[in-house]
Amino acid sequence: MRKGWLVGLVLVAVLLTGCDGRVLVRLDVPIVVEPAPPRYRAEVDGYISYDDWIDHVSFTKSRKYDRYYEPLVNAKITVEETGRVTYTDRLGYFHIGGLPNGRVTISVSHPRLRRKVYFETRAN
């Protein structure tokens, strides 16, 4: 479509060169071509819990039944490599898809935490 438009414009310019009028064609407009983002199919599931006594965050695949650990509700989970964000549900579970295969680093932040916590896991 664009080639046909450009060819038509050049043809009109060539035809009008014999006339007394002037034709100004500005072709200095930059054309930006961005590649499509890669389509990732890996995902990470997990369970985030927190122990107030020792100020420790735990990332496991299923519920942690230790004495003082409670689910960390509405914690922000960020995948550092891609910037994808999700939040834990009312039971502390989360799911995030569209990740590259292999090792990824997730960060956990929540108002109850004094700092951001990082975990390395495998997306598959």
C-alpha atoms as a PDB file:
ATOM      1  CA  MET A   1       0.000   0.000   0.000  1.00  0.00           C
ATOM      2  CA  ARG A   2       2.754   2.453   0.926  1.00  0.00           C
ATOM      3  CA  LYS A   3       4.837   1.557  -2.120  1.00  0.00           C
ATOM      4  CA  GLY A   4       1.901   2.206  -4.422  1.00  0.00           C
ATOM      5  CA  TRP A   5       1.309   5.594  -2.812  1.00  0.00           C
ATOM      6  CA  LEU A   6       4.974   6.526  -3.121  1.00  0.00           C
ATOM      7  CA  VAL A   7       5.147   5.381  -6.758  1.00  0.00           C
ATOM      8  CA  GLY A   8       2.024   7.402  -7.546  1.00  0.00           C
ATOM      9  CA  LEU A   9       3.518  10.493  -5.909  1.00  0.00           C
ATOM     10  CA  VAL A  10       6.755  10.162  -7.870  1.00  0.00           C
ATOM     11  CA  LEU A  11       4.781   9.685 -11.117  1.00  0.00           C
ATOM     12  CA  VAL A  12       2.773  12.852 -10.487  1.00  0.00           C
ATOM     13  CA  ALA A  13       6.000  14.732  -9.711  1.00  0.00           C
ATOM     14  CA  VAL A  14       7.574  13.501 -12.985  1.00  0.00           C
ATOM     15  CA  LEU A  15       4.503  14.546 -15.000  1.00  0.00           C
ATOM     16  CA  LEU A  16       4.433  17.969 -13.412  1.00  0.00           C
ATOM     17  CA  THR A  17       8.144  18.706 -13.969  1.00  0.00           C
ATOM     18  CA  GLY A  18       7.382  20.012 -17.469  1.00  0.00           C
ATOM     19  CA  CYS A  19       4.860  22.527 -16.072  1.00  0.00           C
ATOM     20  CA  ASP A  20       5.648  26.029 -14.897  1.00  0.00           C
ATOM     21  CA  GLY A  21       4.621  25.294 -11.306  1.00  0.00           C
ATOM     22  CA  ARG A  22       6.780  23.818  -8.569  1.00  0.00           C
ATOM     23  CA  VAL A  23       6.339  20.566  -6.681  1.00  0.00           C
ATOM     24  CA  LEU A  24       8.025  20.058  -3.319  1.00  0.00           C
ATOM     25  CA  VAL A  25       8.162  16.515  -2.050  1.00  0.00           C
ATOM     26  CA  ARG A  26       9.497  16.167   1.487  1.00  0.00           C
ATOM     27  CA  LEU A  27      10.831  12.712   2.189  1.00  0.00           C
ATOM     28  CA  ASP A  28      12.733  13.591   5.365  1.00  0.00           C
ATOM     29  CA  VAL A  29      10.058  12.168   7.669  1.00  0.00           C
ATOM     30  CA  PRO A  30      11.619   9.316   9.673  1.00  0.00           C
ATOM     31  CA  ILE A  31      10.068   5.893   9.393  1.00  0.00           C
ATOM     32  CA  VAL A  32      10.289   3.878  12.604  1.00  0.00           C
ATOM     33  CA  VAL A  33       9.957   0.113  12.405  1.00  0.00           C
ATOM     34  CA  GLU A  34       9.747  -1.657  15.750  1.00  0.00           C
ATOM     35  CA  PRO A  35       9.934  -5.425  15.989  1.00  0.00           C
ATOM     36  CA  ALA A  36       6.996  -7.207  17.547  1.00  0.00           C
ATOM     37  CA  PRO A  37       7.581  -8.225  21.146  1.00  0.00           C
ATOM     38  CA  PRO A  38       8.539 -11.882  21.500  1.00  0.00           C
ATOM     39  CA  ARG A  39       5.760 -14.255  22.395  1.00  0.00           C
ATOM     40  CA  TYR A  40       6.667 -16.035  25.598  1.00  0.00           C
ATOM     41  CA  ARG A  41       4.771 -19.038  26.825  1.00  0.00           C
ATOM     42  CA  ALA A  42       6.355 -19.839  30.191  1.00  0.00           C
ATOM     43  CA  GLU A  43       4.658 -19.089  33.490  1.00  0.00           C
ATOM     44  CA  VAL A  44       5.314 -18.978  37.225  1.00  0.00           C
ATOM     45  CA  ASP A  45       2.893 -20.030  39.959  1.00  0.00           C
ATOM     46  CA  GLY A  46       3.601 -19.514  43.599  1.00  0.00           C
ATOM     47  CA  TYR A  47       2.567 -18.829  47.150  1.00  0.00           C
ATOM     48  CA  ILE A  48       3.942 -15.904  49.161  1.00  0.00           C
ATOM     49  CA  SER A  49       3.828 -16.041  52.948  1.00  0.00           C
ATOM     50  CA  TYR A  50       5.275 -13.818  55.666  1.00  0.00           C
ATOM     51  CA  ASP A  51       6.487 -14.393  59.238  1.00  0.00           C
ATOM     52  CA  ASP A  52       6.143 -11.256  61.398  1.00  0.00           C
ATOM     53  CA  TRP A  53       8.310 -12.672  64.176  1.00  0.00           C
ATOM     54  CA  ILE A  54      11.486 -12.918  62.133  1.00  0.00           C
ATOM     55  CA  ASP A  55      10.511 -10.586  59.262  1.00  0.00           C
ATOM     56  CA  HIS A  56      10.916 -13.322  56.650  1.00  0.00           C
ATOM     57  CA  VAL A  57       9.157 -13.748  53.306  1.00  0.00           C
ATOM     58  CA  SER A  58       8.793 -17.234  51.855  1.00  0.00           C
ATOM     59  CA  PHE A  59       8.148 -18.125  48.206  1.00  0.00           C
ATOM     60  CA  THR A  60       6.901 -21.688  47.698  1.00  0.00           C
ATOM     61  CA  LYS A  61       4.785 -23.528  45.150  1.00  0.00           C
ATOM     62  CA  SER A  62       2.090 -24.473  47.674  1.00  0.00           C
ATOM     63  CA  ARG A  63       0.888 -23.311  51.086  1.00  0.00           C
ATOM     64  CA  LYS A  64       3.463 -23.125  53.865  1.00  0.00           C
ATOM     65  CA  TYR A  65       2.155 -24.663  57.088  1.00  0.00           C
ATOM     66  CA  ASP A  66       4.856 -23.411  59.451  1.00  0.00           C
ATOM     67  CA  ARG A  67       3.645 -21.959  62.731  1.00  0.00           C
ATOM     68  CA  TYR A  68       3.930 -18.199  62.215  1.00  0.00           C
ATOM     69  CA  TYR A  69       3.707 -17.861  58.428  1.00  0.00           C
ATOM     70  CA  GLU A  70       0.612 -16.127  57.081  1.00  0.00           C
ATOM     71  CA  PRO A  71      -0.333 -15.509  53.441  1.00  0.00           C
ATOM     72  CA  LEU A  72       0.857 -12.146  52.150  1.00  0.00           C
ATOM     73  CA  VAL A  73      -2.361 -10.770  50.662  1.00  0.00           C
ATOM     74  CA  ASN A  74      -2.255  -8.261  47.785  1.00  0.00           C
ATOM     75  CA  ALA A  75       1.540  -8.286  47.506  1.00  0.00           C
ATOM     76  CA  LYS A  76       2.969  -6.854  44.288  1.00  0.00           C
ATOM     77  CA  ILE A  77       4.899  -9.484  42.320  1.00  0.00           C
ATOM     78  CA  THR A  78       7.192  -8.128  39.586  1.00  0.00           C
ATOM     79  CA  VAL A  79       9.250 -10.155  37.109  1.00  0.00           C
ATOM     80  CA  GLU A  80      12.467  -8.125  36.852  1.00  0.00           C
ATOM     81  CA  GLU A  81      13.456  -9.303  33.345  1.00  0.00           C
ATOM     82  CA  THR A  82      10.194  -8.323  31.656  1.00  0.00           C
ATOM     83  CA  GLY A  83       8.547  -5.872  34.044  1.00  0.00           C
ATOM     84  CA  ARG A  84       5.339  -7.943  34.193  1.00  0.00           C
ATOM     85  CA  VAL A  85       3.360  -7.333  37.380  1.00  0.00           C
ATOM     86  CA  THR A  86       0.698  -9.294  39.226  1.00  0.00           C
ATOM     87  CA  TYR A  87      -0.701  -9.364  42.755  1.00  0.00           C
ATOM     88  CA  THR A  88      -1.315 -12.184  45.213  1.00  0.00           C
ATOM     89  CA  ASP A  89      -4.904 -13.138  45.933  1.00  0.00           C
ATOM     90  CA  ARG A  90      -6.581 -13.332  49.348  1.00  0.00           C
ATOM     91  CA  LEU A  91      -4.923 -16.683  50.004  1.00  0.00           C
ATOM     92  CA  GLY A  92      -1.390 -15.592  49.026  1.00  0.00           C
ATOM     93  CA  TYR A  93      -1.280 -17.349  45.649  1.00  0.00           C
ATOM     94  CA  PHE A  94      -0.265 -15.740  42.358  1.00  0.00           C
ATOM     95  CA  HIS A  95       0.061 -16.717  38.705  1.00  0.00           C
ATOM     96  CA  ILE A  96       1.914 -14.835  35.999  1.00  0.00           C
ATOM     97  CA  GLY A  97       2.265 -15.949  32.382  1.00  0.00           C
ATOM     98  CA  GLY A  98       3.956 -14.743  29.230  1.00  0.00           C
ATOM     99  CA  LEU A  99       7.496 -15.157  30.549  1.00  0.00           C
ATOM    100  CA  PRO A 100      10.669 -16.363  28.817  1.00  0.00           C
ATOM    101  CA  ASN A 101      11.765 -19.916  29.557  1.00  0.00           C
ATOM    102  CA  GLY A 102      14.543 -20.312  32.086  1.00  0.00           C
ATOM    103  CA  ARG A 103      15.585 -18.486  35.217  1.00  0.00           C
ATOM    104  CA  VAL A 104      13.717 -15.333  36.173  1.00  0.00           C
ATOM    105  CA  THR A 105      13.985 -13.018  39.158  1.00  0.00           C
ATOM    106  CA  ILE A 106      10.794 -11.969  40.893  1.00  0.00           C
ATOM    107  CA  SER A 107      10.525  -9.176  43.425  1.00  0.00           C
ATOM    108  CA  VAL A 108       7.919  -8.971  46.176  1.00  0.00           C
ATOM    109  CA  SER A 109       6.811  -5.667  47.677  1.00  0.00           C
ATOM    110  CA  HIS A 110       4.100  -4.995  50.231  1.00  0.00           C
ATOM    111  CA  PRO A 111       3.401  -2.268  52.823  1.00  0.00           C
ATOM    112  CA  ARG A 112       4.116  -4.743  55.652  1.00  0.00           C
ATOM    113  CA  LEU A 113       7.603  -5.413  54.294  1.00  0.00           C
ATOM    114  CA  ARG A 114      10.487  -3.123  55.183  1.00  0.00           C
ATOM    115  CA  ARG A 115      12.270  -3.785  51.905  1.00  0.00           C
ATOM    116  CA  LYS A 116      11.768  -5.337  48.489  1.00  0.00           C
ATOM    117  CA  VAL A 117      12.489  -9.082  48.505  1.00  0.00           C
ATOM    118  CA  TYR A 118      13.958 -10.912  45.488  1.00  0.00           C
ATOM    119  CA  PHE A 119      13.659 -14.580  44.548  1.00  0.00           C
ATOM    120  CA  GLU A 120      15.106 -16.525  41.624  1.00  0.00           C
ATOM    121  CA  THR A 121      12.918 -19.185  40.121  1.00  0.00           C
ATOM    122  CA  ARG A 122      12.487 -21.135  36.935  1.00  0.00           C
ATOM    123  CA  ALA A 123       9.726 -20.242  34.484  1.00  0.00           C
ATOM    124  CA  ASN A 124       8.394 -23.190  32.515  1.00  0.00           C
END
